[in-house]
Amino acid sequence: MPVKILKERLLNLAEVKKILEERSSKGELSYVQRVTLDYATKFSQLSVEKSSEIVKKLIENFGISESTAIQIVNAVPKSINELRVFLTNEQKIFTEEELVEFLKTLEEA
């Protein structure tokens, strides 16, 4: 029987990790879930609370999309050149000062 989707939303790696850890404590994970949990464990750099907080700040302060904010939080770029890669799909062109502010926001994590 197909699964009925009740709600859909974007998740950052820390949230994925938390959900899969909770599911694994209740029972065995599928192969795909185990691989995903392994990936999220290796590459999530922030806590769930901190990553969600930074996503909100990036959306509110810089007017970027939620998907772009989540990608930035997942990767935590360290330089302006790394950050620009994530901003290519945004409608706005950001100034050097704004990009520095992006990095400051990420460093607060």
PDB file of N, CA and C in Angstrom:
ATOM      1  N   MET A   1       0.850  -1.182   0.000  1.00  0.00           N
ATOM      2  CA  MET A   1       0.000   0.000   0.000  1.00  0.00           C
ATOM      3  C   MET A   1       0.892   1.240   0.000  1.00  0.00           C
ATOM      4  N   PRO A   2       0.638   2.186  -0.892  1.00  0.00           N
ATOM      5  CA  PRO A   2       1.474   3.388  -0.953  1.00  0.00           C
ATOM      6  C   PRO A   2       1.336   4.231   0.320  1.00  0.00           C
ATOM      7  N   VAL A   3       2.428   4.920   0.634  1.00  0.00           N
ATOM      8  CA  VAL A   3       2.447   5.795   1.799  1.00  0.00           C
ATOM      9  C   VAL A   3       1.777   7.110   1.432  1.00  0.00           C
ATOM     10  N   LYS A   4       0.929   7.591   2.292  1.00  0.00           N
ATOM     11  CA  LYS A   4       0.255   8.867   2.066  1.00  0.00           C
ATOM     12  C   LYS A   4       1.089   9.970   2.716  1.00  0.00           C
ATOM     13  N   ILE A   5       1.450  10.966   1.946  1.00  0.00           N
ATOM     14  CA  ILE A   5       2.243  12.085   2.453  1.00  0.00           C
ATOM     15  C   ILE A   5       1.299  13.098   3.084  1.00  0.00           C
ATOM     16  N   LEU A   6       1.513  13.345   4.367  1.00  0.00           N
ATOM     17  CA  LEU A   6       0.659  14.287   5.084  1.00  0.00           C
ATOM     18  C   LEU A   6       1.231  15.699   5.062  1.00  0.00           C
ATOM     19  N   LYS A   7       2.548  15.773   5.112  1.00  0.00           N
ATOM     20  CA  LYS A   7       3.195  17.076   5.204  1.00  0.00           C
ATOM     21  C   LYS A   7       4.589  16.953   4.602  1.00  0.00           C
ATOM     22  N   GLU A   8       5.036  17.997   3.947  1.00  0.00           N
ATOM     23  CA  GLU A   8       6.360  17.997   3.351  1.00  0.00           C
ATOM     24  C   GLU A   8       7.061  19.296   3.707  1.00  0.00           C
ATOM     25  N   ARG A   9       8.327  19.181   4.123  1.00  0.00           N
ATOM     26  CA  ARG A   9       9.117  20.371   4.400  1.00  0.00           C
ATOM     27  C   ARG A   9      10.593  20.064   4.224  1.00  0.00           C
ATOM     28  N   LEU A  10      11.377  21.090   4.014  1.00  0.00           N
ATOM     29  CA  LEU A  10      12.810  20.925   3.836  1.00  0.00           C
ATOM     30  C   LEU A  10      13.480  20.738   5.197  1.00  0.00           C
ATOM     31  N   LEU A  11      14.494  19.895   5.233  1.00  0.00           N
ATOM     32  CA  LEU A  11      15.222  19.625   6.473  1.00  0.00           C
ATOM     33  C   LEU A  11      16.704  19.864   6.261  1.00  0.00           C
ATOM     34  N   ASN A  12      17.370  20.347   7.310  1.00  0.00           N
ATOM     35  CA  ASN A  12      18.823  20.431   7.246  1.00  0.00           C
ATOM     36  C   ASN A  12      19.407  19.117   7.767  1.00  0.00           C
ATOM     37  N   LEU A  13      20.697  18.918   7.593  1.00  0.00           N
ATOM     38  CA  LEU A  13      21.321  17.645   7.967  1.00  0.00           C
ATOM     39  C   LEU A  13      21.149  17.305   9.441  1.00  0.00           C
ATOM     40  N   ALA A  14      21.224  18.295  10.308  1.00  0.00           N
ATOM     41  CA  ALA A  14      21.071  18.038  11.740  1.00  0.00           C
ATOM     42  C   ALA A  14      19.676  17.499  12.050  1.00  0.00           C
ATOM     43  N   GLU A  15      18.664  18.027  11.384  1.00  0.00           N
ATOM     44  CA  GLU A  15      17.298  17.540  11.590  1.00  0.00           C
ATOM     45  C   GLU A  15      17.133  16.118  11.059  1.00  0.00           C
ATOM     46  N   VAL A  16      17.734  15.840   9.912  1.00  0.00           N
ATOM     47  CA  VAL A  16      17.683  14.491   9.342  1.00  0.00           C
ATOM     48  C   VAL A  16      18.334  13.501  10.301  1.00  0.00           C
ATOM     49  N   LYS A  17      19.482  13.889  10.814  1.00  0.00           N
ATOM     50  CA  LYS A  17      20.204  13.027  11.759  1.00  0.00           C
ATOM     51  C   LYS A  17      19.349  12.729  12.989  1.00  0.00           C
ATOM     52  N   LYS A  18      18.727  13.757  13.547  1.00  0.00           N
ATOM     53  CA  LYS A  18      17.902  13.581  14.740  1.00  0.00           C
ATOM     54  C   LYS A  18      16.723  12.642  14.469  1.00  0.00           C
ATOM     55  N   ILE A  19      16.037  12.847  13.353  1.00  0.00           N
ATOM     56  CA  ILE A  19      14.875  12.016  13.010  1.00  0.00           C
ATOM     57  C   ILE A  19      15.292  10.557  12.836  1.00  0.00           C
ATOM     58  N   LEU A  20      16.385  10.330  12.121  1.00  0.00           N
ATOM     59  CA  LEU A  20      16.818   8.957  11.882  1.00  0.00           C
ATOM     60  C   LEU A  20      17.348   8.286  13.150  1.00  0.00           C
ATOM     61  N   GLU A  21      17.981   9.054  14.018  1.00  0.00           N
ATOM     62  CA  GLU A  21      18.427   8.485  15.301  1.00  0.00           C
ATOM     63  C   GLU A  21      17.227   8.074  16.147  1.00  0.00           C
ATOM     64  N   GLU A  22      16.175   8.890  16.145  1.00  0.00           N
ATOM     65  CA  GLU A  22      14.958   8.542  16.884  1.00  0.00           C
ATOM     66  C   GLU A  22      14.317   7.284  16.308  1.00  0.00           C
ATOM     67  N   ARG A  23      14.269   7.192  14.986  1.00  0.00           N
ATOM     68  CA  ARG A  23      13.686   6.006  14.348  1.00  0.00           C
ATOM     69  C   ARG A  23      14.520   4.763  14.612  1.00  0.00           C
ATOM     70  N   SER A  24      15.842   4.908  14.640  1.00  0.00           N
ATOM     71  CA  SER A  24      16.686   3.735  14.859  1.00  0.00           C
ATOM     72  C   SER A  24      16.537   3.206  16.280  1.00  0.00           C
ATOM     73  N   SER A  25      16.231   4.083  17.222  1.00  0.00           N
ATOM     74  CA  SER A  25      16.029   3.616  18.599  1.00  0.00           C
ATOM     75  C   SER A  25      14.707   2.860  18.752  1.00  0.00           C
ATOM     76  N   LYS A  26      13.777   3.073  17.816  1.00  0.00           N
ATOM     77  CA  LYS A  26      12.473   2.397  17.868  1.00  0.00           C
ATOM     78  C   LYS A  26      12.453   1.111  17.047  1.00  0.00           C
ATOM     79  N   GLY A  27      13.446   0.931  16.215  1.00  0.00           N
ATOM     80  CA  GLY A  27      13.480  -0.258  15.372  1.00  0.00           C
ATOM     81  C   GLY A  27      14.598  -0.158  14.367  1.00  0.00           C
ATOM     82  N   GLU A  28      14.703  -1.164  13.526  1.00  0.00           N
ATOM     83  CA  GLU A  28      15.772  -1.212  12.544  1.00  0.00           C
ATOM     84  C   GLU A  28      15.470  -0.291  11.366  1.00  0.00           C
ATOM     85  N   LEU A  29      16.531   0.365  10.886  1.00  0.00           N
ATOM     86  CA  LEU A  29      16.404   1.253   9.737  1.00  0.00           C
ATOM     87  C   LEU A  29      16.618   0.470   8.448  1.00  0.00           C
ATOM     88  N   SER A  30      16.026   0.965   7.365  1.00  0.00           N
ATOM     89  CA  SER A  30      16.276   0.367   6.056  1.00  0.00           C
ATOM     90  C   SER A  30      17.708   0.707   5.628  1.00  0.00           C
ATOM     91  N   TYR A  31      18.161   0.072   4.567  1.00  0.00           N
ATOM     92  CA  TYR A  31      19.510   0.335   4.066  1.00  0.00           C
ATOM     93  C   TYR A  31      19.694   1.816   3.731  1.00  0.00           C
ATOM     94  N   VAL A  32      18.744   2.390   3.004  1.00  0.00           N
ATOM     95  CA  VAL A  32      18.834   3.799   2.604  1.00  0.00           C
ATOM     96  C   VAL A  32      18.852   4.704   3.835  1.00  0.00           C
ATOM     97  N   GLN A  33      18.030   4.386   4.819  1.00  0.00           N
ATOM     98  CA  GLN A  33      18.008   5.182   6.046  1.00  0.00           C
ATOM     99  C   GLN A  33      19.342   5.089   6.790  1.00  0.00           C
ATOM    100  N   ARG A  34      19.949   3.889   6.838  1.00  0.00           N
ATOM    101  CA  ARG A  34      21.242   3.731   7.511  1.00  0.00           C
ATOM    102  C   ARG A  34      22.337   4.531   6.808  1.00  0.00           C
ATOM    103  N   VAL A  35      22.342   4.478   5.477  1.00  0.00           N
ATOM    104  CA  VAL A  35      23.337   5.230   4.709  1.00  0.00           C
ATOM    105  C   VAL A  35      23.129   6.735   4.918  1.00  0.00           C
ATOM    106  N   THR A  36      21.880   7.158   4.917  1.00  0.00           N
ATOM    107  CA  THR A  36      21.568   8.572   5.126  1.00  0.00           C
ATOM    108  C   THR A  36      21.979   9.019   6.524  1.00  0.00           C
ATOM    109  N   LEU A  37      21.708   8.198   7.527  1.00  0.00           N
ATOM    110  CA  LEU A  37      22.119   8.524   8.892  1.00  0.00           C
ATOM    111  C   LEU A  37      23.636   8.618   8.993  1.00  0.00           C
ATOM    112  N   ASP A  38      24.340   7.702   8.364  1.00  0.00           N
ATOM    113  CA  ASP A  38      25.804   7.729   8.368  1.00  0.00           C
ATOM    114  C   ASP A  38      26.304   9.032   7.744  1.00  0.00           C
ATOM    115  N   TYR A  39      25.737   9.415   6.606  1.00  0.00           N
ATOM    116  CA  TYR A  39      26.117  10.654   5.932  1.00  0.00           C
ATOM    117  C   TYR A  39      25.838  11.868   6.819  1.00  0.00           C
ATOM    118  N   ALA A  40      24.629  11.921   7.379  1.00  0.00           N
ATOM    119  CA  ALA A  40      24.242  13.057   8.226  1.00  0.00           C
ATOM    120  C   ALA A  40      25.134  13.134   9.464  1.00  0.00           C
ATOM    121  N   THR A  41      25.498  12.006  10.019  1.00  0.00           N
ATOM    122  CA  THR A  41      26.373  11.985  11.193  1.00  0.00           C
ATOM    123  C   THR A  41      27.755  12.531  10.852  1.00  0.00           C
ATOM    124  N   LYS A  42      28.275  12.143   9.697  1.00  0.00           N
ATOM    125  CA  LYS A  42      29.613  12.583   9.299  1.00  0.00           C
ATOM    126  C   LYS A  42      29.663  14.059   8.926  1.00  0.00           C
ATOM    127  N   PHE A  43      28.610  14.563   8.296  1.00  0.00           N
ATOM    128  CA  PHE A  43      28.701  15.891   7.701  1.00  0.00           C
ATOM    129  C   PHE A  43      27.898  16.996   8.385  1.00  0.00           C
ATOM    130  N   SER A  44      27.025  16.667   9.315  1.00  0.00           N
ATOM    131  CA  SER A  44      26.310  17.750  10.009  1.00  0.00           C
ATOM    132  C   SER A  44      27.261  18.363  11.025  1.00  0.00           C
ATOM    133  N   GLN A  45      27.403  19.667  10.939  1.00  0.00           N
ATOM    134  CA  GLN A  45      28.382  20.372  11.762  1.00  0.00           C
ATOM    135  C   GLN A  45      27.751  21.116  12.934  1.00  0.00           C
ATOM    136  N   LEU A  46      26.437  21.290  12.890  1.00  0.00           N
ATOM    137  CA  LEU A  46      25.754  22.090  13.903  1.00  0.00           C
ATOM    138  C   LEU A  46      24.671  21.268  14.585  1.00  0.00           C
ATOM    139  N   SER A  47      24.242  21.741  15.740  1.00  0.00           N
ATOM    140  CA  SER A  47      23.118  21.103  16.426  1.00  0.00           C
ATOM    141  C   SER A  47      21.823  21.471  15.716  1.00  0.00           C
ATOM    142  N   VAL A  48      20.766  20.740  16.028  1.00  0.00           N
ATOM    143  CA  VAL A  48      19.459  21.002  15.424  1.00  0.00           C
ATOM    144  C   VAL A  48      19.007  22.423  15.748  1.00  0.00           C
ATOM    145  N   GLU A  49      19.139  22.803  16.998  1.00  0.00           N
ATOM    146  CA  GLU A  49      18.675  24.128  17.424  1.00  0.00           C
ATOM    147  C   GLU A  49      19.457  25.234  16.717  1.00  0.00           C
ATOM    148  N   LYS A  50      20.781  25.087  16.689  1.00  0.00           N
ATOM    149  CA  LYS A  50      21.627  26.116  16.108  1.00  0.00           C
ATOM    150  C   LYS A  50      21.400  26.214  14.596  1.00  0.00           C
ATOM    151  N   SER A  51      21.301  25.078  13.931  1.00  0.00           N
ATOM    152  CA  SER A  51      21.104  25.114  12.479  1.00  0.00           C
ATOM    153  C   SER A  51      19.749  25.722  12.113  1.00  0.00           C
ATOM    154  N   SER A  52      18.711  25.391  12.867  1.00  0.00           N
ATOM    155  CA  SER A  52      17.385  25.967  12.597  1.00  0.00           C
ATOM    156  C   SER A  52      17.385  27.469  12.846  1.00  0.00           C
ATOM    157  N   GLU A  53      18.078  27.877  13.892  1.00  0.00           N
ATOM    158  CA  GLU A  53      18.171  29.307  14.218  1.00  0.00           C
ATOM    159  C   GLU A  53      18.893  30.073  13.106  1.00  0.00           C
ATOM    160  N   ILE A  54      19.973  29.520  12.602  1.00  0.00           N
ATOM    161  CA  ILE A  54      20.736  30.203  11.552  1.00  0.00           C
ATOM    162  C   ILE A  54      19.950  30.233  10.245  1.00  0.00           C
ATOM    163  N   VAL A  55      19.228  29.171   9.929  1.00  0.00           N
ATOM    164  CA  VAL A  55      18.384  29.171   8.721  1.00  0.00           C
ATOM    165  C   VAL A  55      17.392  30.324   8.803  1.00  0.00           C
ATOM    166  N   LYS A  56      16.736  30.479   9.942  1.00  0.00           N
ATOM    167  CA  LYS A  56      15.770  31.575  10.111  1.00  0.00           C
ATOM    168  C   LYS A  56      16.446  32.933   9.947  1.00  0.00           C
ATOM    169  N   LYS A  57      17.628  33.104  10.555  1.00  0.00           N
ATOM    170  CA  LYS A  57      18.349  34.372  10.454  1.00  0.00           C
ATOM    171  C   LYS A  57      18.710  34.683   9.001  1.00  0.00           C
ATOM    172  N   LEU A  58      19.188  33.703   8.287  1.00  0.00           N
ATOM    173  CA  LEU A  58      19.576  33.935   6.894  1.00  0.00           C
ATOM    174  C   LEU A  58      18.379  34.330   6.043  1.00  0.00           C
ATOM    175  N   ILE A  59      17.251  33.686   6.259  1.00  0.00           N
ATOM    176  CA  ILE A  59      16.041  34.010   5.498  1.00  0.00           C
ATOM    177  C   ILE A  59      15.565  35.421   5.832  1.00  0.00           C
ATOM    178  N   GLU A  60      15.498  35.745   7.117  1.00  0.00           N
ATOM    179  CA  GLU A  60      14.993  37.048   7.542  1.00  0.00           C
ATOM    180  C   GLU A  60      15.950  38.185   7.199  1.00  0.00           C
ATOM    181  N   ASN A  61      17.235  38.003   7.459  1.00  0.00           N
ATOM    182  CA  ASN A  61      18.200  39.092   7.296  1.00  0.00           C
ATOM    183  C   ASN A  61      18.633  39.325   5.855  1.00  0.00           C
ATOM    184  N   PHE A  62      18.632  38.265   5.042  1.00  0.00           N
ATOM    185  CA  PHE A  62      19.173  38.413   3.696  1.00  0.00           C
ATOM    186  C   PHE A  62      18.156  38.144   2.595  1.00  0.00           C
ATOM    187  N   GLY A  63      16.956  37.695   2.967  1.00  0.00           N
ATOM    188  CA  GLY A  63      15.898  37.492   1.990  1.00  0.00           C
ATOM    189  C   GLY A  63      16.161  36.368   1.001  1.00  0.00           C
ATOM    190  N   ILE A  64      16.868  35.343   1.440  1.00  0.00           N
ATOM    191  CA  ILE A  64      17.129  34.211   0.552  1.00  0.00           C
ATOM    192  C   ILE A  64      16.072  33.131   0.765  1.00  0.00           C
ATOM    193  N   SER A  65      15.998  32.201  -0.159  1.00  0.00           N
ATOM    194  CA  SER A  65      15.010  31.124  -0.044  1.00  0.00           C
ATOM    195  C   SER A  65      15.406  30.148   1.070  1.00  0.00           C
ATOM    196  N   GLU A  66      14.412  29.413   1.525  1.00  0.00           N
ATOM    197  CA  GLU A  66      14.668  28.429   2.586  1.00  0.00           C
ATOM    198  C   GLU A  66      15.625  27.347   2.105  1.00  0.00           C
ATOM    199  N   SER A  67      15.467  26.905   0.870  1.00  0.00           N
ATOM    200  CA  SER A  67      16.348  25.846   0.366  1.00  0.00           C
ATOM    201  C   SER A  67      17.797  26.312   0.290  1.00  0.00           C
ATOM    202  N   THR A  68      18.032  27.547  -0.113  1.00  0.00           N
ATOM    203  CA  THR A  68      19.393  28.085  -0.157  1.00  0.00           C
ATOM    204  C   THR A  68      19.957  28.218   1.253  1.00  0.00           C
ATOM    205  N   ALA A  69      19.154  28.697   2.183  1.00  0.00           N
ATOM    206  CA  ALA A  69      19.608  28.841   3.567  1.00  0.00           C
ATOM    207  C   ALA A  69      19.994  27.480   4.153  1.00  0.00           C
ATOM    208  N   ILE A  70      19.213  26.463   3.863  1.00  0.00           N
ATOM    209  CA  ILE A  70      19.511  25.120   4.376  1.00  0.00           C
ATOM    210  C   ILE A  70      20.799  24.584   3.751  1.00  0.00           C
ATOM    211  N   GLN A  71      20.992  24.807   2.467  1.00  0.00           N
ATOM    212  CA  GLN A  71      22.230  24.366   1.826  1.00  0.00           C
ATOM    213  C   GLN A  71      23.442  25.048   2.445  1.00  0.00           C
ATOM    214  N   ILE A  72      23.313  26.331   2.733  1.00  0.00           N
ATOM    215  CA  ILE A  72      24.410  27.074   3.346  1.00  0.00           C
ATOM    216  C   ILE A  72      24.701  26.527   4.741  1.00  0.00           C
ATOM    217  N   VAL A  73      23.668  26.268   5.522  1.00  0.00           N
ATOM    218  CA  VAL A  73      23.853  25.742   6.876  1.00  0.00           C
ATOM    219  C   VAL A  73      24.454  24.335   6.842  1.00  0.00           C
ATOM    220  N   ASN A  74      24.058  23.542   5.869  1.00  0.00           N
ATOM    221  CA  ASN A  74      24.611  22.187   5.756  1.00  0.00           C
ATOM    222  C   ASN A  74      26.106  22.210   5.449  1.00  0.00           C
ATOM    223  N   ALA A  75      26.528  23.131   4.596  1.00  0.00           N
ATOM    224  CA  ALA A  75      27.922  23.172   4.165  1.00  0.00           C
ATOM    225  C   ALA A  75      28.802  24.060   5.035  1.00  0.00           C
ATOM    226  N   VAL A  76      28.221  25.071   5.676  1.00  0.00           N
ATOM    227  CA  VAL A  76      28.945  26.059   6.484  1.00  0.00           C
ATOM    228  C   VAL A  76      30.193  26.558   5.736  1.00  0.00           C
ATOM    229  N   PRO A  77      29.980  27.310   4.656  1.00  0.00           N
ATOM    230  CA  PRO A  77      31.133  27.826   3.900  1.00  0.00           C
ATOM    231  C   PRO A  77      31.986  28.759   4.746  1.00  0.00           C
ATOM    232  N   LYS A  78      33.296  28.718   4.498  1.00  0.00           N
ATOM    233  CA  LYS A  78      34.247  29.504   5.291  1.00  0.00           C
ATOM    234  C   LYS A  78      34.747  30.756   4.574  1.00  0.00           C
ATOM    235  N   SER A  79      34.533  30.840   3.270  1.00  0.00           N
ATOM    236  CA  SER A  79      35.020  31.997   2.522  1.00  0.00           C
ATOM    237  C   SER A  79      33.897  32.563   1.653  1.00  0.00           C
ATOM    238  N   ILE A  80      34.130  33.761   1.174  1.00  0.00           N
ATOM    239  CA  ILE A  80      33.150  34.420   0.312  1.00  0.00           C
ATOM    240  C   ILE A  80      32.982  33.637  -0.989  1.00  0.00           C
ATOM    241  N   ASN A  81      34.081  33.134  -1.532  1.00  0.00           N
ATOM    242  CA  ASN A  81      33.988  32.357  -2.783  1.00  0.00           C
ATOM    243  C   ASN A  81      33.162  31.096  -2.589  1.00  0.00           C
ATOM    244  N   GLU A  82      33.328  30.415  -1.476  1.00  0.00           N
ATOM    245  CA  GLU A  82      32.517  29.231  -1.193  1.00  0.00           C
ATOM    246  C   GLU A  82      31.047  29.612  -1.045  1.00  0.00           C
ATOM    247  N   LEU A  83      30.780  30.726  -0.387  1.00  0.00           N
ATOM    248  CA  LEU A  83      29.410  31.190  -0.157  1.00  0.00           C
ATOM    249  C   LEU A  83      28.715  31.550  -1.466  1.00  0.00           C
ATOM    250  N   ARG A  84      29.429  32.163  -2.378  1.00  0.00           N
ATOM    251  CA  ARG A  84      28.844  32.583  -3.659  1.00  0.00           C
ATOM    252  C   ARG A  84      28.260  31.404  -4.442  1.00  0.00           C
ATOM    253  N   VAL A  85      28.868  30.238  -4.298  1.00  0.00           N
ATOM    254  CA  VAL A  85      28.372  29.049  -4.999  1.00  0.00           C
ATOM    255  C   VAL A  85      26.917  28.781  -4.635  1.00  0.00           C
ATOM    256  N   PHE A  86      26.557  28.976  -3.382  1.00  0.00           N
ATOM    257  CA  PHE A  86      25.204  28.696  -2.910  1.00  0.00           C
ATOM    258  C   PHE A  86      24.212  29.791  -3.289  1.00  0.00           C
ATOM    259  N   LEU A  87      24.703  30.961  -3.594  1.00  0.00           N
ATOM    260  CA  LEU A  87      23.828  32.104  -3.867  1.00  0.00           C
ATOM    261  C   LEU A  87      23.552  32.322  -5.355  1.00  0.00           C
ATOM    262  N   THR A  88      24.023  31.431  -6.206  1.00  0.00           N
ATOM    263  CA  THR A  88      23.863  31.625  -7.653  1.00  0.00           C
ATOM    264  C   THR A  88      22.407  31.571  -8.109  1.00  0.00           C
ATOM    265  N   ASN A  89      21.555  30.847  -7.393  1.00  0.00           N
ATOM    266  CA  ASN A  89      20.146  30.733  -7.798  1.00  0.00           C
ATOM    267  C   ASN A  89      19.260  31.820  -7.205  1.00  0.00           C
ATOM    268  N   GLU A  90      19.806  32.660  -6.389  1.00  0.00           N
ATOM    269  CA  GLU A  90      19.023  33.733  -5.784  1.00  0.00           C
ATOM    270  C   GLU A  90      18.839  34.874  -6.778  1.00  0.00           C
ATOM    271  N   GLN A  91      17.716  35.572  -6.660  1.00  0.00           N
ATOM    272  CA  GLN A  91      17.393  36.657  -7.572  1.00  0.00           C
ATOM    273  C   GLN A  91      18.237  37.905  -7.320  1.00  0.00           C
ATOM    274  N   LYS A  92      18.797  38.005  -6.144  1.00  0.00           N
ATOM    275  CA  LYS A  92      19.523  39.200  -5.727  1.00  0.00           C
ATOM    276  C   LYS A  92      21.027  38.990  -5.896  1.00  0.00           C
ATOM    277  N   ILE A  93      21.721  40.067  -6.203  1.00  0.00           N
ATOM    278  CA  ILE A  93      23.181  40.054  -6.223  1.00  0.00           C
ATOM    279  C   ILE A  93      23.633  40.700  -4.919  1.00  0.00           C
ATOM    280  N   PHE A  94      24.451  39.995  -4.176  1.00  0.00           N
ATOM    281  CA  PHE A  94      24.867  40.453  -2.854  1.00  0.00           C
ATOM    282  C   PHE A  94      26.182  41.208  -2.936  1.00  0.00           C
ATOM    283  N   THR A  95      26.268  42.266  -2.128  1.00  0.00           N
ATOM    284  CA  THR A  95      27.493  43.056  -2.062  1.00  0.00           C
ATOM    285  C   THR A  95      28.526  42.322  -1.214  1.00  0.00           C
ATOM    286  N   GLU A  96      29.744  42.786  -1.310  1.00  0.00           N
ATOM    287  CA  GLU A  96      30.840  42.209  -0.521  1.00  0.00           C
ATOM    288  C   GLU A  96      30.533  42.315   0.974  1.00  0.00           C
ATOM    289  N   GLU A  97      29.955  43.437   1.391  1.00  0.00           N
ATOM    290  CA  GLU A  97      29.626  43.634   2.808  1.00  0.00           C
ATOM    291  C   GLU A  97      28.562  42.640   3.271  1.00  0.00           C
ATOM    292  N   GLU A  98      27.566  42.407   2.416  1.00  0.00           N
ATOM    293  CA  GLU A  98      26.517  41.438   2.752  1.00  0.00           C
ATOM    294  C   GLU A  98      27.090  40.031   2.867  1.00  0.00           C
ATOM    295  N   LEU A  99      28.017  39.692   1.992  1.00  0.00           N
ATOM    296  CA  LEU A  99      28.637  38.376   2.040  1.00  0.00           C
ATOM    297  C   LEU A  99      29.457  38.203   3.317  1.00  0.00           C
ATOM    298  N   VAL A 100      30.113  39.272   3.734  1.00  0.00           N
ATOM    299  CA  VAL A 100      30.856  39.228   4.999  1.00  0.00           C
ATOM    300  C   VAL A 100      29.882  39.025   6.159  1.00  0.00           C
ATOM    301  N   GLU A 101      28.728  39.679   6.096  1.00  0.00           N
ATOM    302  CA  GLU A 101      27.702  39.493   7.139  1.00  0.00           C
ATOM    303  C   GLU A 101      27.182  38.061   7.150  1.00  0.00           C
ATOM    304  N   PHE A 102      27.013  37.466   5.992  1.00  0.00           N
ATOM    305  CA  PHE A 102      26.628  36.049   5.907  1.00  0.00           C
ATOM    306  C   PHE A 102      27.615  35.206   6.705  1.00  0.00           C
ATOM    307  N   LEU A 103      28.899  35.417   6.417  1.00  0.00           N
ATOM    308  CA  LEU A 103      29.935  34.622   7.088  1.00  0.00           C
ATOM    309  C   LEU A 103      29.961  34.853   8.585  1.00  0.00           C
ATOM    310  N   LYS A 104      29.738  36.099   9.003  1.00  0.00           N
ATOM    311  CA  LYS A 104      29.673  36.392  10.448  1.00  0.00           C
ATOM    312  C   LYS A 104      28.526  35.644  11.102  1.00  0.00           C
ATOM    313  N   THR A 105      27.387  35.613  10.424  1.00  0.00           N
ATOM    314  CA  THR A 105      26.230  34.886  10.943  1.00  0.00           C
ATOM    315  C   THR A 105      26.558  33.402  11.104  1.00  0.00           C
ATOM    316  N   LEU A 106      27.259  32.841  10.141  1.00  0.00           N
ATOM    317  CA  LEU A 106      27.637  31.430  10.215  1.00  0.00           C
ATOM    318  C   LEU A 106      28.698  31.180  11.292  1.00  0.00           C
ATOM    319  N   GLU A 107      29.589  32.129  11.496  1.00  0.00           N
ATOM    320  CA  GLU A 107      30.623  31.973  12.520  1.00  0.00           C
ATOM    321  C   GLU A 107      30.042  31.980  13.933  1.00  0.00           C
ATOM    322  N   GLU A 108      28.879  32.593  14.103  1.00  0.00           N
ATOM    323  CA  GLU A 108      28.248  32.629  15.420  1.00  0.00           C
ATOM    324  C   GLU A 108      27.863  31.220  15.879  1.00  0.00           C
ATOM    325  N   ALA A 109      27.770  30.315  14.922  1.00  0.00           N
ATOM    326  CA  ALA A 109      27.429  28.925  15.251  1.00  0.00           C
ATOM    327  C   ALA A 109      28.618  28.315  15.909  1.00  0.00           C
TER     328      ALA A 109
END
